[in-house]
Amino acid sequence: MYDVVLLTLGTGAGPGGGGDACCGSCTEGESDRCGDAPRVPVLRCADALTAAGARVETVTAHSDAEIDAVLARLDGPPRPDGLTWPDQDGKTRLIVAAATDGQLRAVLRRLVRRYAPPPSRRPADLADNRTVPDLPPIGVLPLDPARAGAQRDLAAQLGLPREPAAVAAAALDGRVRRLDLLRTDGGSVTLDGALLGGADEAGRPLTWRGRVEVDDAVLSNGEDPVLACAIGNAGGYATLDGLPLLAGPDPADAVIEVAIAVPVVVKSPLRKPRTRIEVRRARGRAVAVTPRDGELPFLDDGVAGTLTRKRSWWVEPGAWGVYAG
């Protein structure tokens, strides 16, 4: 018999107070009615788990500390080196009910902070290409049904089950799909991808300048006008206004795919100069972006922010896992 925790993020937890996002089942203007009451998909998932013989607890976390209290149930036995380590054979399973990819990312960020050892205490049993151990697998219960369509969330991209009963069955079946995780030097993580660049009031991309380098390859030295930079782990941000950016991001291939879109003026003696968009791509283990002119807007797993100095992402192969069904 398994103990299963169904975790939902409430106001104050996650990106910008993750619970501020509507659950996806409210009509417009009614998101404040969700409150802390378990949402219908959560209740249905809990019923399916109970019917299968699991002990179920639903938790709504309003802070990082409350998320951490849930994650502590996934800890393994004490180690001789004193590090907090996940229990690879535990009987407690976690399902995250997420309205947005940013909420799912918030939980993974806390998992990394819990289990990543300090560089000075790196244990011998940690893989050479990783800074974190295998994080405990999680079930993903999407709360926004609309995100299965054109604006696909990460669960849809990965082909994970969406119906509450199917999510429950996947968690209890225990088949785990390991996925790459992107860590950043800003202390966060990226599950799907990031898109760097802003737009005007009409939604047209604005050019910016910055240095973009992937391992030893330089996509921009800081002099080019860049329309957008896409950093891909999964398939998000693969296009810009219909223009293909990322050729084929794979969340389990142990590399980051990066692309920038640069406007290039083409001159011809027989016609007026015209502008075409050049896409430069590279793949590697790490990427660094250094903005040159002020604040650079970006979206990272759907969470908005700005860069004012160099930011690096690097890949942690197979670091996190999902119950795939």
C-alpha atoms as a PDB file:
ATOM      1  CA  MET A   1       0.000   0.000   0.000  1.00  0.00           C
ATOM      2  CA  TYR A   2       1.268   3.464  -0.901  1.00  0.00           C
ATOM      3  CA  ASP A   3       0.885   6.801   0.836  1.00  0.00           C
ATOM      4  CA  VAL A   4       0.091   9.403  -1.821  1.00  0.00           C
ATOM      5  CA  VAL A   5       0.220  13.152  -1.305  1.00  0.00           C
ATOM      6  CA  LEU A   6      -1.782  15.300  -3.723  1.00  0.00           C
ATOM      7  CA  LEU A   7      -0.087  18.708  -3.644  1.00  0.00           C
ATOM      8  CA  THR A   8      -1.696  21.906  -4.928  1.00  0.00           C
ATOM      9  CA  LEU A   9      -0.038  25.323  -4.779  1.00  0.00           C
ATOM     10  CA  GLY A  10      -2.102  28.043  -3.144  1.00  0.00           C
ATOM     11  CA  THR A  11      -1.667  31.801  -2.965  1.00  0.00           C
ATOM     12  CA  GLY A  12       1.885  32.688  -1.968  1.00  0.00           C
ATOM     13  CA  ALA A  13       3.525  29.512  -3.263  1.00  0.00           C
ATOM     14  CA  GLY A  14       5.380  29.187  -6.525  1.00  0.00           C
ATOM     15  CA  PRO A  15       5.974  31.877  -9.177  1.00  0.00           C
ATOM     16  CA  GLY A  16       4.326  35.134  -8.221  1.00  0.00           C
ATOM     17  CA  GLY A  17       2.182  33.313  -5.679  1.00  0.00           C
ATOM     18  CA  GLY A  18       1.428  30.241  -7.748  1.00  0.00           C
ATOM     19  CA  GLY A  19      -2.145  29.929  -6.512  1.00  0.00           C
ATOM     20  CA  ASP A  20      -3.061  33.239  -8.119  1.00  0.00           C
ATOM     21  CA  ALA A  21      -3.519  31.375 -11.392  1.00  0.00           C
ATOM     22  CA  CYS A  22      -7.021  30.066 -11.910  1.00  0.00           C
ATOM     23  CA  CYS A  23      -7.476  26.313 -11.709  1.00  0.00           C
ATOM     24  CA  GLY A  24      -8.823  26.257 -15.252  1.00  0.00           C
ATOM     25  CA  SER A  25     -12.335  25.149 -14.299  1.00  0.00           C
ATOM     26  CA  CYS A  26     -13.602  28.557 -13.171  1.00  0.00           C
ATOM     27  CA  THR A  27     -15.414  30.913 -15.491  1.00  0.00           C
ATOM     28  CA  GLU A  28     -13.955  34.352 -16.121  1.00  0.00           C
ATOM     29  CA  GLY A  29     -13.954  36.474 -12.992  1.00  0.00           C
ATOM     30  CA  GLU A  30     -14.548  33.526 -10.664  1.00  0.00           C
ATOM     31  CA  SER A  31     -10.960  32.435  -9.931  1.00  0.00           C
ATOM     32  CA  ASP A  32     -11.225  33.809  -6.397  1.00  0.00           C
ATOM     33  CA  ARG A  33     -13.878  31.195  -5.646  1.00  0.00           C
ATOM     34  CA  CYS A  34     -11.328  28.389  -5.834  1.00  0.00           C
ATOM     35  CA  GLY A  35      -9.807  29.314  -2.469  1.00  0.00           C
ATOM     36  CA  ASP A  36      -8.330  26.350  -0.632  1.00  0.00           C
ATOM     37  CA  ALA A  37     -11.133  23.919  -1.432  1.00  0.00           C
ATOM     38  CA  PRO A  38      -9.799  20.840  -3.253  1.00  0.00           C
ATOM     39  CA  ARG A  39     -10.521  21.243  -6.939  1.00  0.00           C
ATOM     40  CA  VAL A  40     -12.674  18.756  -8.787  1.00  0.00           C
ATOM     41  CA  PRO A  41      -9.779  16.995 -10.605  1.00  0.00           C
ATOM     42  CA  VAL A  42      -7.963  16.652  -7.265  1.00  0.00           C
ATOM     43  CA  LEU A  43     -11.020  15.100  -5.609  1.00  0.00           C
ATOM     44  CA  ARG A  44     -11.494  12.691  -8.503  1.00  0.00           C
ATOM     45  CA  CYS A  45      -7.839  11.684  -8.412  1.00  0.00           C
ATOM     46  CA  ALA A  46      -8.031  11.172  -4.645  1.00  0.00           C
ATOM     47  CA  ASP A  47     -11.127   8.997  -5.055  1.00  0.00           C
ATOM     48  CA  ALA A  48      -9.370   6.853  -7.681  1.00  0.00           C
ATOM     49  CA  LEU A  49      -6.313   6.440  -5.454  1.00  0.00           C
ATOM     50  CA  THR A  50      -8.438   5.485  -2.458  1.00  0.00           C
ATOM     51  CA  ALA A  51     -10.411   2.989  -4.509  1.00  0.00           C
ATOM     52  CA  ALA A  52      -7.106   1.378  -5.501  1.00  0.00           C
ATOM     53  CA  GLY A  53      -6.126   0.966  -1.853  1.00  0.00           C
ATOM     54  CA  ALA A  54      -3.777   3.942  -1.365  1.00  0.00           C
ATOM     55  CA  ARG A  55      -3.755   6.179   1.685  1.00  0.00           C
ATOM     56  CA  VAL A  56      -4.324   9.688   0.344  1.00  0.00           C
ATOM     57  CA  GLU A  57      -3.724  13.158   1.717  1.00  0.00           C
ATOM     58  CA  THR A  58      -4.481  16.408  -0.106  1.00  0.00           C
ATOM     59  CA  VAL A  59      -2.301  19.409   0.746  1.00  0.00           C
ATOM     60  CA  THR A  60      -2.519  23.014  -0.407  1.00  0.00           C
ATOM     61  CA  ALA A  61       0.834  24.751   0.111  1.00  0.00           C
ATOM     62  CA  HIS A  62       0.978  28.534   0.479  1.00  0.00           C
ATOM     63  CA  SER A  63       4.736  28.940   0.880  1.00  0.00           C
ATOM     64  CA  ASP A  64       8.057  27.344   0.055  1.00  0.00           C
ATOM     65  CA  ALA A  65       8.212  26.107   3.642  1.00  0.00           C
ATOM     66  CA  GLU A  66       4.907  24.267   3.220  1.00  0.00           C
ATOM     67  CA  ILE A  67       6.117  22.745  -0.061  1.00  0.00           C
ATOM     68  CA  ASP A  68       9.304  21.657   1.716  1.00  0.00           C
ATOM     69  CA  ALA A  69       7.286  19.998   4.477  1.00  0.00           C
ATOM     70  CA  VAL A  70       5.621  17.791   1.851  1.00  0.00           C
ATOM     71  CA  LEU A  71       8.887  17.019   0.088  1.00  0.00           C
ATOM     72  CA  ALA A  72      10.492  15.954   3.373  1.00  0.00           C
ATOM     73  CA  ARG A  73       8.287  12.855   3.249  1.00  0.00           C
ATOM     74  CA  LEU A  74      10.358  11.710   0.267  1.00  0.00           C
ATOM     75  CA  ASP A  75      13.639  11.749   2.232  1.00  0.00           C
ATOM     76  CA  GLY A  76      15.672   8.604   2.491  1.00  0.00           C
ATOM     77  CA  PRO A  77      17.314   7.216   5.641  1.00  0.00           C
ATOM     78  CA  PRO A  78      20.193   9.170   7.223  1.00  0.00           C
ATOM     79  CA  ARG A  79      23.507   8.895   5.382  1.00  0.00           C
ATOM     80  CA  PRO A  80      26.953   8.651   6.967  1.00  0.00           C
ATOM     81  CA  ASP A  81      27.926  11.921   5.233  1.00  0.00           C
ATOM     82  CA  GLY A  82      24.917  13.746   6.702  1.00  0.00           C
ATOM     83  CA  LEU A  83      23.430  14.733   3.318  1.00  0.00           C
ATOM     84  CA  THR A  84      19.665  14.822   2.783  1.00  0.00           C
ATOM     85  CA  TRP A  85      18.985  12.295   0.033  1.00  0.00           C
ATOM     86  CA  PRO A  86      15.793  11.029  -1.631  1.00  0.00           C
ATOM     87  CA  ASP A  87      14.485   7.573  -0.797  1.00  0.00           C
ATOM     88  CA  GLN A  88      14.677   5.576  -4.008  1.00  0.00           C
ATOM     89  CA  ASP A  89      12.592   2.745  -2.529  1.00  0.00           C
ATOM     90  CA  GLY A  90      10.068   4.749  -0.528  1.00  0.00           C
ATOM     91  CA  LYS A  91       6.364   3.989  -0.271  1.00  0.00           C
ATOM     92  CA  THR A  92       5.299   7.639  -0.415  1.00  0.00           C
ATOM     93  CA  ARG A  93       4.346   9.040  -3.793  1.00  0.00           C
ATOM     94  CA  LEU A  94       3.741  12.636  -4.802  1.00  0.00           C
ATOM     95  CA  ILE A  95       1.258  13.993  -7.341  1.00  0.00           C
ATOM     96  CA  VAL A  96       1.461  17.707  -8.165  1.00  0.00           C
ATOM     97  CA  ALA A  97      -1.827  19.273  -9.261  1.00  0.00           C
ATOM     98  CA  ALA A  98      -0.655  22.169 -11.431  1.00  0.00           C
ATOM     99  CA  ALA A  99      -2.597  24.873 -13.236  1.00  0.00           C
ATOM    100  CA  THR A 100       0.575  26.068 -15.017  1.00  0.00           C
ATOM    101  CA  ASP A 101       4.026  24.774 -15.894  1.00  0.00           C
ATOM    102  CA  GLY A 102       5.386  27.473 -13.589  1.00  0.00           C
ATOM    103  CA  GLN A 103       3.712  25.799 -10.614  1.00  0.00           C
ATOM    104  CA  LEU A 104       5.243  22.449 -11.534  1.00  0.00           C
ATOM    105  CA  ARG A 105       8.611  24.156 -11.867  1.00  0.00           C
ATOM    106  CA  ALA A 106       8.202  25.670  -8.394  1.00  0.00           C
ATOM    107  CA  VAL A 107       7.991  22.188  -6.873  1.00  0.00           C
ATOM    108  CA  LEU A 108      11.018  20.952  -8.836  1.00  0.00           C
ATOM    109  CA  ARG A 109      12.973  24.004  -7.724  1.00  0.00           C
ATOM    110  CA  ARG A 110      12.317  23.095  -4.095  1.00  0.00           C
ATOM    111  CA  LEU A 111      13.291  19.466  -4.780  1.00  0.00           C
ATOM    112  CA  VAL A 112      16.627  20.625  -6.180  1.00  0.00           C
ATOM    113  CA  ARG A 113      17.258  22.916  -3.242  1.00  0.00           C
ATOM    114  CA  ARG A 114      16.486  20.082  -0.863  1.00  0.00           C
ATOM    115  CA  TYR A 115      18.660  17.403  -2.399  1.00  0.00           C
ATOM    116  CA  ALA A 116      21.511  19.206  -4.229  1.00  0.00           C
ATOM    117  CA  PRO A 117      24.645  18.809  -2.113  1.00  0.00           C
ATOM    118  CA  PRO A 118      26.973  21.799  -1.618  1.00  0.00           C
ATOM    119  CA  PRO A 119      29.990  21.651  -3.969  1.00  0.00           C
ATOM    120  CA  SER A 120      32.258  21.249  -0.944  1.00  0.00           C
ATOM    121  CA  ARG A 121      30.378  18.090   0.119  1.00  0.00           C
ATOM    122  CA  ARG A 122      29.940  16.403  -3.243  1.00  0.00           C
ATOM    123  CA  PRO A 123      29.576  12.653  -2.537  1.00  0.00           C
ATOM    124  CA  ALA A 124      31.391   9.939  -4.456  1.00  0.00           C
ATOM    125  CA  ASP A 125      28.096   8.276  -5.477  1.00  0.00           C
ATOM    126  CA  LEU A 126      26.904  11.326  -7.444  1.00  0.00           C
ATOM    127  CA  ALA A 127      27.269  10.961 -11.224  1.00  0.00           C
ATOM    128  CA  ASP A 128      30.077  12.997 -12.790  1.00  0.00           C
ATOM    129  CA  ASN A 129      27.675  14.836 -15.117  1.00  0.00           C
ATOM    130  CA  ARG A 130      25.213  15.799 -12.379  1.00  0.00           C
ATOM    131  CA  THR A 131      24.988  18.160  -9.414  1.00  0.00           C
ATOM    132  CA  VAL A 132      21.832  16.514  -8.023  1.00  0.00           C
ATOM    133  CA  PRO A 133      20.895  12.870  -7.412  1.00  0.00           C
ATOM    134  CA  ASP A 134      17.934  11.236  -9.143  1.00  0.00           C
ATOM    135  CA  LEU A 135      15.062  13.347  -7.853  1.00  0.00           C
ATOM    136  CA  PRO A 136      11.954  11.482  -6.655  1.00  0.00           C
ATOM    137  CA  PRO A 137       9.493  10.908  -9.502  1.00  0.00           C
ATOM    138  CA  ILE A 138       6.231  12.827  -9.384  1.00  0.00           C
ATOM    139  CA  GLY A 139       2.804  12.457 -10.861  1.00  0.00           C
ATOM    140  CA  VAL A 140       1.446  15.453 -12.780  1.00  0.00           C
ATOM    141  CA  LEU A 141      -2.252  16.302 -12.605  1.00  0.00           C
ATOM    142  CA  PRO A 142      -3.000  19.150 -15.050  1.00  0.00           C
ATOM    143  CA  LEU A 143      -5.752  21.468 -13.807  1.00  0.00           C
ATOM    144  CA  ASP A 144      -6.297  23.441 -17.016  1.00  0.00           C
ATOM    145  CA  PRO A 145      -7.972  21.309 -19.704  1.00  0.00           C
ATOM    146  CA  ALA A 146      -7.448  24.018 -22.329  1.00  0.00           C
ATOM    147  CA  ARG A 147      -3.683  23.485 -22.154  1.00  0.00           C
ATOM    148  CA  ALA A 148      -4.030  20.122 -23.866  1.00  0.00           C
ATOM    149  CA  GLY A 149      -4.813  21.926 -27.129  1.00  0.00           C
ATOM    150  CA  ALA A 150      -2.971  24.505 -29.197  1.00  0.00           C
ATOM    151  CA  GLN A 151      -1.198  26.083 -26.199  1.00  0.00           C
ATOM    152  CA  ARG A 152       0.129  22.796 -24.905  1.00  0.00           C
ATOM    153  CA  ASP A 153       1.473  22.512 -21.402  1.00  0.00           C
ATOM    154  CA  LEU A 154       4.412  20.287 -20.549  1.00  0.00           C
ATOM    155  CA  ALA A 155       2.175  17.353 -19.648  1.00  0.00           C
ATOM    156  CA  ALA A 156       0.640  17.465 -23.133  1.00  0.00           C
ATOM    157  CA  GLN A 157       4.053  17.731 -24.789  1.00  0.00           C
ATOM    158  CA  LEU A 158       5.263  14.683 -22.875  1.00  0.00           C
ATOM    159  CA  GLY A 159       2.111  12.706 -23.585  1.00  0.00           C
ATOM    160  CA  LEU A 160       1.364  12.236 -19.896  1.00  0.00           C
ATOM    161  CA  PRO A 161      -2.096  11.155 -18.697  1.00  0.00           C
ATOM    162  CA  ARG A 162      -4.449  14.045 -17.946  1.00  0.00           C
ATOM    163  CA  GLU A 163      -7.607  12.438 -16.598  1.00  0.00           C
ATOM    164  CA  PRO A 164      -7.547  12.145 -12.780  1.00  0.00           C
ATOM    165  CA  ALA A 165      -8.134   8.384 -12.763  1.00  0.00           C
ATOM    166  CA  ALA A 166      -5.356   7.835 -15.322  1.00  0.00           C
ATOM    167  CA  VAL A 167      -2.954  10.041 -13.326  1.00  0.00           C
ATOM    168  CA  ALA A 168      -3.758   7.997 -10.199  1.00  0.00           C
ATOM    169  CA  ALA A 169      -3.187   4.723 -12.042  1.00  0.00           C
ATOM    170  CA  ALA A 170       0.153   5.946 -13.401  1.00  0.00           C
ATOM    171  CA  ALA A 171       1.380   6.953  -9.939  1.00  0.00           C
ATOM    172  CA  LEU A 172       0.457   3.578  -8.451  1.00  0.00           C
ATOM    173  CA  ASP A 173       1.807   1.609 -11.408  1.00  0.00           C
ATOM    174  CA  GLY A 174       5.164   3.250 -10.809  1.00  0.00           C
ATOM    175  CA  ARG A 175       6.539   3.283 -14.357  1.00  0.00           C
ATOM    176  CA  VAL A 176       8.931   6.238 -14.352  1.00  0.00           C
ATOM    177  CA  ARG A 177      10.149   8.263 -17.309  1.00  0.00           C
ATOM    178  CA  ARG A 178      13.394  10.087 -16.552  1.00  0.00           C
ATOM    179  CA  LEU A 179      13.823  13.582 -18.025  1.00  0.00           C
ATOM    180  CA  ASP A 180      16.559  16.156 -18.265  1.00  0.00           C
ATOM    181  CA  LEU A 181      16.484  19.176 -16.004  1.00  0.00           C
ATOM    182  CA  LEU A 182      18.017  22.571 -16.732  1.00  0.00           C
ATOM    183  CA  ARG A 183      19.551  24.330 -13.748  1.00  0.00           C
ATOM    184  CA  THR A 184      20.450  28.021 -13.766  1.00  0.00           C
ATOM    185  CA  ASP A 185      23.075  30.037 -11.960  1.00  0.00           C
ATOM    186  CA  GLY A 186      20.204  32.152 -10.628  1.00  0.00           C
ATOM    187  CA  GLY A 187      19.146  29.257  -8.406  1.00  0.00           C
ATOM    188  CA  SER A 188      16.150  28.152 -10.450  1.00  0.00           C
ATOM    189  CA  VAL A 189      15.349  25.319 -12.858  1.00  0.00           C
ATOM    190  CA  THR A 190      13.782  25.014 -16.294  1.00  0.00           C
ATOM    191  CA  LEU A 191      11.625  22.058 -17.332  1.00  0.00           C
ATOM    192  CA  ASP A 192      10.341  23.107 -20.752  1.00  0.00           C
ATOM    193  CA  GLY A 193      12.271  26.120 -22.030  1.00  0.00           C
ATOM    194  CA  ALA A 194      12.905  29.843 -21.995  1.00  0.00           C
ATOM    195  CA  LEU A 195      12.270  32.591 -24.540  1.00  0.00           C
ATOM    196  CA  LEU A 196      14.311  35.770 -24.266  1.00  0.00           C
ATOM    197  CA  GLY A 197      13.152  38.982 -25.916  1.00  0.00           C
ATOM    198  CA  GLY A 198      10.357  41.513 -25.723  1.00  0.00           C
ATOM    199  CA  ALA A 199       7.558  42.793 -27.948  1.00  0.00           C
ATOM    200  CA  ASP A 200       5.866  46.105 -28.698  1.00  0.00           C
ATOM    201  CA  GLU A 201       2.214  46.935 -27.995  1.00  0.00           C
ATOM    202  CA  ALA A 202       1.186  45.244 -31.251  1.00  0.00           C
ATOM    203  CA  GLY A 203       2.998  42.051 -30.280  1.00  0.00           C
ATOM    204  CA  ARG A 204       5.864  42.512 -32.738  1.00  0.00           C
ATOM    205  CA  PRO A 205       9.254  41.302 -31.475  1.00  0.00           C
ATOM    206  CA  LEU A 206      11.708  44.024 -30.489  1.00  0.00           C
ATOM    207  CA  THR A 207      15.392  43.631 -31.229  1.00  0.00           C
ATOM    208  CA  TRP A 208      17.966  43.485 -28.451  1.00  0.00           C
ATOM    209  CA  ARG A 209      21.687  42.880 -28.222  1.00  0.00           C
ATOM    210  CA  GLY A 210      23.537  40.369 -26.136  1.00  0.00           C
ATOM    211  CA  ARG A 211      26.164  37.669 -26.214  1.00  0.00           C
ATOM    212  CA  VAL A 212      24.797  34.148 -26.651  1.00  0.00           C
ATOM    213  CA  GLU A 213      27.182  31.200 -26.398  1.00  0.00           C
ATOM    214  CA  VAL A 214      26.528  27.467 -26.303  1.00  0.00           C
ATOM    215  CA  ASP A 215      29.548  25.557 -25.011  1.00  0.00           C
ATOM    216  CA  ASP A 216      32.275  26.838 -27.383  1.00  0.00           C
ATOM    217  CA  ALA A 217      29.915  28.080 -30.104  1.00  0.00           C
ATOM    218  CA  VAL A 218      29.061  31.794 -30.192  1.00  0.00           C
ATOM    219  CA  LEU A 219      25.657  32.488 -31.757  1.00  0.00           C
ATOM    220  CA  SER A 220      25.921  36.225 -31.167  1.00  0.00           C
ATOM    221  CA  ASN A 221      28.919  38.251 -30.006  1.00  0.00           C
ATOM    222  CA  GLY A 222      26.712  41.047 -28.694  1.00  0.00           C
ATOM    223  CA  GLU A 223      26.712  43.167 -31.844  1.00  0.00           C
ATOM    224  CA  ASP A 224      23.841  41.515 -33.718  1.00  0.00           C
ATOM    225  CA  PRO A 225      20.255  42.757 -33.360  1.00  0.00           C
ATOM    226  CA  VAL A 226      18.450  39.707 -31.941  1.00  0.00           C
ATOM    227  CA  LEU A 227      14.687  39.248 -32.196  1.00  0.00           C
ATOM    228  CA  ALA A 228      14.495  36.250 -29.871  1.00  0.00           C
ATOM    229  CA  CYS A 229      16.557  33.576 -28.205  1.00  0.00           C
ATOM    230  CA  ALA A 230      14.948  30.219 -27.449  1.00  0.00           C
ATOM    231  CA  ILE A 231      16.492  27.813 -24.955  1.00  0.00           C
ATOM    232  CA  GLY A 232      14.837  24.441 -25.244  1.00  0.00           C
ATOM    233  CA  ASN A 233      14.655  21.394 -23.054  1.00  0.00           C
ATOM    234  CA  ALA A 234      11.240  20.165 -24.214  1.00  0.00           C
ATOM    235  CA  GLY A 235       9.188  21.596 -27.081  1.00  0.00           C
ATOM    236  CA  GLY A 236       8.051  24.954 -25.694  1.00  0.00           C
ATOM    237  CA  TYR A 237       8.986  28.179 -27.496  1.00  0.00           C
ATOM    238  CA  ALA A 238       9.936  26.189 -30.591  1.00  0.00           C
ATOM    239  CA  THR A 239       8.423  28.799 -32.931  1.00  0.00           C
ATOM    240  CA  LEU A 240       8.236  32.598 -33.104  1.00  0.00           C
ATOM    241  CA  ASP A 241       5.260  33.958 -35.061  1.00  0.00           C
ATOM    242  CA  GLY A 242       5.273  30.801 -37.169  1.00  0.00           C
ATOM    243  CA  LEU A 243       9.061  30.830 -37.654  1.00  0.00           C
ATOM    244  CA  PRO A 244      10.669  27.530 -36.555  1.00  0.00           C
ATOM    245  CA  LEU A 245      13.354  28.179 -33.958  1.00  0.00           C
ATOM    246  CA  LEU A 246      14.153  24.909 -32.209  1.00  0.00           C
ATOM    247  CA  ALA A 247      14.565  22.057 -34.671  1.00  0.00           C
ATOM    248  CA  GLY A 248      13.851  19.080 -32.453  1.00  0.00           C
ATOM    249  CA  PRO A 249      14.227  19.532 -28.703  1.00  0.00           C
ATOM    250  CA  ASP A 250      14.181  16.269 -26.784  1.00  0.00           C
ATOM    251  CA  PRO A 251      13.727  16.405 -22.987  1.00  0.00           C
ATOM    252  CA  ALA A 252      15.760  13.231 -22.531  1.00  0.00           C
ATOM    253  CA  ASP A 253      18.758  13.628 -24.890  1.00  0.00           C
ATOM    254  CA  ALA A 254      21.123  15.243 -22.332  1.00  0.00           C
ATOM    255  CA  VAL A 255      21.650  18.407 -24.388  1.00  0.00           C
ATOM    256  CA  ILE A 256      20.204  21.910 -24.552  1.00  0.00           C
ATOM    257  CA  GLU A 257      19.002  23.199 -27.904  1.00  0.00           C
ATOM    258  CA  VAL A 258      19.425  26.951 -28.441  1.00  0.00           C
ATOM    259  CA  ALA A 259      18.391  29.202 -31.311  1.00  0.00           C
ATOM    260  CA  ILE A 260      18.461  32.929 -32.003  1.00  0.00           C
ATOM    261  CA  ALA A 261      16.523  34.833 -34.667  1.00  0.00           C
ATOM    262  CA  VAL A 262      18.476  37.664 -36.293  1.00  0.00           C
ATOM    263  CA  PRO A 263      17.123  40.072 -38.952  1.00  0.00           C
ATOM    264  CA  VAL A 264      19.517  40.286 -41.903  1.00  0.00           C
ATOM    265  CA  VAL A 265      19.299  42.913 -44.647  1.00  0.00           C
ATOM    266  CA  VAL A 266      19.689  41.386 -48.101  1.00  0.00           C
ATOM    267  CA  LYS A 267      20.830  43.808 -50.826  1.00  0.00           C
ATOM    268  CA  SER A 268      20.398  43.300 -54.548  1.00  0.00           C
ATOM    269  CA  PRO A 269      21.392  45.600 -57.422  1.00  0.00           C
ATOM    270  CA  LEU A 270      18.033  45.009 -59.127  1.00  0.00           C
ATOM    271  CA  ARG A 271      15.632  45.468 -56.212  1.00  0.00           C
ATOM    272  CA  LYS A 272      15.161  47.271 -52.949  1.00  0.00           C
ATOM    273  CA  PRO A 273      16.925  45.860 -49.887  1.00  0.00           C
ATOM    274  CA  ARG A 274      14.797  43.378 -48.010  1.00  0.00           C
ATOM    275  CA  THR A 275      15.007  41.851 -44.563  1.00  0.00           C
ATOM    276  CA  ARG A 276      15.005  38.140 -43.912  1.00  0.00           C
ATOM    277  CA  ILE A 277      15.181  36.322 -40.587  1.00  0.00           C
ATOM    278  CA  GLU A 278      18.245  34.185 -40.046  1.00  0.00           C
ATOM    279  CA  VAL A 279      17.985  31.443 -37.429  1.00  0.00           C
ATOM    280  CA  ARG A 280      21.230  30.299 -35.847  1.00  0.00           C
ATOM    281  CA  ARG A 281      21.160  27.082 -33.841  1.00  0.00           C
ATOM    282  CA  ALA A 282      23.490  25.162 -31.578  1.00  0.00           C
ATOM    283  CA  ARG A 283      23.271  22.245 -29.147  1.00  0.00           C
ATOM    284  CA  GLY A 284      25.385  21.631 -26.097  1.00  0.00           C
ATOM    285  CA  ARG A 285      25.626  21.071 -22.380  1.00  0.00           C
ATOM    286  CA  ALA A 286      25.384  24.730 -21.293  1.00  0.00           C
ATOM    287  CA  VAL A 287      24.300  28.124 -22.604  1.00  0.00           C
ATOM    288  CA  ALA A 288      25.090  31.610 -21.366  1.00  0.00           C
ATOM    289  CA  VAL A 289      23.250  34.817 -22.287  1.00  0.00           C
ATOM    290  CA  THR A 290      24.710  38.221 -21.418  1.00  0.00           C
ATOM    291  CA  PRO A 291      22.359  41.144 -22.180  1.00  0.00           C
ATOM    292  CA  ARG A 292      24.104  44.243 -23.434  1.00  0.00           C
ATOM    293  CA  ASP A 293      21.488  47.000 -23.153  1.00  0.00           C
ATOM    294  CA  GLY A 294      19.508  47.260 -19.922  1.00  0.00           C
ATOM    295  CA  GLU A 295      16.756  44.831 -18.963  1.00  0.00           C
ATOM    296  CA  LEU A 296      16.010  41.876 -21.203  1.00  0.00           C
ATOM    297  CA  PRO A 297      12.490  40.426 -20.770  1.00  0.00           C
ATOM    298  CA  PHE A 298      12.084  36.657 -20.818  1.00  0.00           C
ATOM    299  CA  LEU A 299       9.646  33.839 -20.166  1.00  0.00           C
ATOM    300  CA  ASP A 300      10.961  30.735 -18.405  1.00  0.00           C
ATOM    301  CA  ASP A 301       8.436  27.889 -18.204  1.00  0.00           C
ATOM    302  CA  GLY A 302       5.797  30.592 -18.664  1.00  0.00           C
ATOM    303  CA  VAL A 303       7.062  32.717 -15.775  1.00  0.00           C
ATOM    304  CA  ALA A 304       8.011  36.289 -16.751  1.00  0.00           C
ATOM    305  CA  GLY A 305      11.210  37.955 -15.632  1.00  0.00           C
ATOM    306  CA  THR A 306      14.026  40.250 -16.762  1.00  0.00           C
ATOM    307  CA  LEU A 307      17.755  39.747 -17.149  1.00  0.00           C
ATOM    308  CA  THR A 308      20.205  42.523 -16.365  1.00  0.00           C
ATOM    309  CA  ARG A 309      23.369  40.424 -16.242  1.00  0.00           C
ATOM    310  CA  LYS A 310      24.748  37.123 -17.469  1.00  0.00           C
ATOM    311  CA  ARG A 311      22.570  34.063 -16.924  1.00  0.00           C
ATOM    312  CA  SER A 312      23.632  30.476 -17.547  1.00  0.00           C
ATOM    313  CA  TRP A 313      21.626  27.286 -17.982  1.00  0.00           C
ATOM    314  CA  TRP A 314      23.143  23.801 -17.895  1.00  0.00           C
ATOM    315  CA  VAL A 315      21.645  20.350 -18.355  1.00  0.00           C
ATOM    316  CA  GLU A 316      21.293  17.711 -15.645  1.00  0.00           C
ATOM    317  CA  PRO A 317      20.671  14.516 -17.665  1.00  0.00           C
ATOM    318  CA  GLY A 318      17.778  12.407 -16.379  1.00  0.00           C
ATOM    319  CA  ALA A 319      17.629  14.308 -13.101  1.00  0.00           C
ATOM    320  CA  TRP A 320      13.861  14.307 -12.639  1.00  0.00           C
ATOM    321  CA  GLY A 321      11.157  11.824 -13.422  1.00  0.00           C
ATOM    322  CA  VAL A 322       7.420  11.553 -14.005  1.00  0.00           C
ATOM    323  CA  TYR A 323       4.965   8.705 -13.590  1.00  0.00           C
ATOM    324  CA  ALA A 324       4.233   8.075 -17.242  1.00  0.00           C
ATOM    325  CA  GLY A 325       1.394   5.552 -17.173  1.00  0.00           C
END
